[in-house]
Amino acid sequence: MAETPNPIQIQKFLGGVDYPASRDTLLSSAKDSGADENVIQALEAIPDREYDSPTSVSSAVSDSSS
């Protein structure tokens, strides 16, 4: 598996997202911002639910990668 991106790398592609946001919204925003494959894969791996802040996204990514 590819290296898990750090939270700063992920949040760089999620600027302007209105929270709460679904996983699909986060993926769409990241793709529109030109996120690389590592970031896309990390977001695809998180649970499909509503995220209320960038911190909750970062926590889900770190939980899904361990």
C-alpha atoms as a PDB file:
ATOM      1  CA  MET A   1       0.000   0.000   0.000  1.00  0.00           C
ATOM      2  CA  ALA A   2       1.109   3.552  -0.676  1.00  0.00           C
ATOM      3  CA  GLU A   3       2.436   5.708   2.115  1.00  0.00           C
ATOM      4  CA  THR A   4      -0.311   7.389   4.125  1.00  0.00           C
ATOM      5  CA  PRO A   5      -0.220  11.157   3.603  1.00  0.00           C
ATOM      6  CA  ASN A   6       0.123  13.316   6.684  1.00  0.00           C
ATOM      7  CA  PRO A   7      -2.791  15.497   7.842  1.00  0.00           C
ATOM      8  CA  ILE A   8      -1.253  18.665   6.414  1.00  0.00           C
ATOM      9  CA  GLN A   9      -1.003  17.072   2.955  1.00  0.00           C
ATOM     10  CA  ILE A  10      -4.646  16.040   3.122  1.00  0.00           C
ATOM     11  CA  GLN A  11      -5.969  19.349   4.448  1.00  0.00           C
ATOM     12  CA  LYS A  12      -4.118  21.210   1.696  1.00  0.00           C
ATOM     13  CA  PHE A  13      -6.579  19.633  -0.764  1.00  0.00           C
ATOM     14  CA  LEU A  14      -9.654  20.183   1.416  1.00  0.00           C
ATOM     15  CA  GLY A  15      -9.478  23.967   1.697  1.00  0.00           C
ATOM     16  CA  GLY A  16     -12.889  25.566   1.379  1.00  0.00           C
ATOM     17  CA  VAL A  17     -14.863  22.472   2.354  1.00  0.00           C
ATOM     18  CA  ASP A  18     -17.960  23.354   4.366  1.00  0.00           C
ATOM     19  CA  TYR A  19     -18.291  21.092   7.405  1.00  0.00           C
ATOM     20  CA  PRO A  20     -20.053  18.880   8.224  1.00  0.00           C
ATOM     21  CA  ALA A  21     -19.044  17.077   5.058  1.00  0.00           C
ATOM     22  CA  SER A  22     -19.558  13.532   3.807  1.00  0.00           C
ATOM     23  CA  ARG A  23     -16.757  11.303   2.590  1.00  0.00           C
ATOM     24  CA  ASP A  24     -18.018  11.783  -0.983  1.00  0.00           C
ATOM     25  CA  THR A  25     -17.864  15.568  -0.581  1.00  0.00           C
ATOM     26  CA  LEU A  26     -14.322  15.329   0.766  1.00  0.00           C
ATOM     27  CA  LEU A  27     -13.261  13.073  -2.110  1.00  0.00           C
ATOM     28  CA  SER A  28     -14.837  15.349  -4.688  1.00  0.00           C
ATOM     29  CA  SER A  29     -13.175  18.425  -3.214  1.00  0.00           C
ATOM     30  CA  ALA A  30      -9.788  16.722  -3.032  1.00  0.00           C
ATOM     31  CA  LYS A  31     -10.020  15.563  -6.661  1.00  0.00           C
ATOM     32  CA  ASP A  32     -11.067  19.059  -7.777  1.00  0.00           C
ATOM     33  CA  SER A  33      -8.036  20.457  -5.943  1.00  0.00           C
ATOM     34  CA  GLY A  34      -5.661  18.104  -7.746  1.00  0.00           C
ATOM     35  CA  ALA A  35      -4.962  15.693  -4.891  1.00  0.00           C
ATOM     36  CA  ASP A  36      -2.493  12.923  -5.630  1.00  0.00           C
ATOM     37  CA  GLU A  37      -3.326   9.222  -5.529  1.00  0.00           C
ATOM     38  CA  ASN A  38      -2.093   8.794  -1.938  1.00  0.00           C
ATOM     39  CA  VAL A  39      -4.528  11.433  -0.674  1.00  0.00           C
ATOM     40  CA  ILE A  40      -7.419  10.003  -2.708  1.00  0.00           C
ATOM     41  CA  GLN A  41      -6.732   6.483  -1.418  1.00  0.00           C
ATOM     42  CA  ALA A  42      -6.509   7.735   2.168  1.00  0.00           C
ATOM     43  CA  LEU A  43      -9.895   9.472   1.862  1.00  0.00           C
ATOM     44  CA  GLU A  44     -11.462   6.430   0.174  1.00  0.00           C
ATOM     45  CA  ALA A  45     -10.365   4.313   3.151  1.00  0.00           C
ATOM     46  CA  ILE A  46     -12.166   6.374   5.804  1.00  0.00           C
ATOM     47  CA  PRO A  47     -15.673   5.404   6.971  1.00  0.00           C
ATOM     48  CA  ASP A  48     -18.559   6.760   4.899  1.00  0.00           C
ATOM     49  CA  ARG A  49     -20.096   9.220   7.356  1.00  0.00           C
ATOM     50  CA  GLU A  50     -20.361  12.937   8.079  1.00  0.00           C
ATOM     51  CA  TYR A  51     -17.172  14.651   9.290  1.00  0.00           C
ATOM     52  CA  ASP A  52     -17.637  17.787  11.364  1.00  0.00           C
ATOM     53  CA  SER A  53     -14.138  19.276  11.096  1.00  0.00           C
ATOM     54  CA  PRO A  54     -10.727  18.877   9.453  1.00  0.00           C
ATOM     55  CA  THR A  55      -9.531  17.294  12.698  1.00  0.00           C
ATOM     56  CA  SER A  56     -12.144  14.538  12.465  1.00  0.00           C
ATOM     57  CA  VAL A  57     -11.015  13.794   8.901  1.00  0.00           C
ATOM     58  CA  SER A  58      -7.369  13.602  10.001  1.00  0.00           C
ATOM     59  CA  SER A  59      -8.294  11.287  12.888  1.00  0.00           C
ATOM     60  CA  ALA A  60     -10.250   8.979  10.566  1.00  0.00           C
ATOM     61  CA  VAL A  61      -7.344   8.810   8.113  1.00  0.00           C
ATOM     62  CA  SER A  62      -4.839   7.952  10.844  1.00  0.00           C
ATOM     63  CA  ASP A  63      -7.238   5.335  12.295  1.00  0.00           C
ATOM     64  CA  SER A  64      -7.813   3.687   8.910  1.00  0.00           C
ATOM     65  CA  SER A  65      -4.101   3.487   8.133  1.00  0.00           C
ATOM     66  CA  SER A  66      -3.100   1.649  11.303  1.00  0.00           C
END
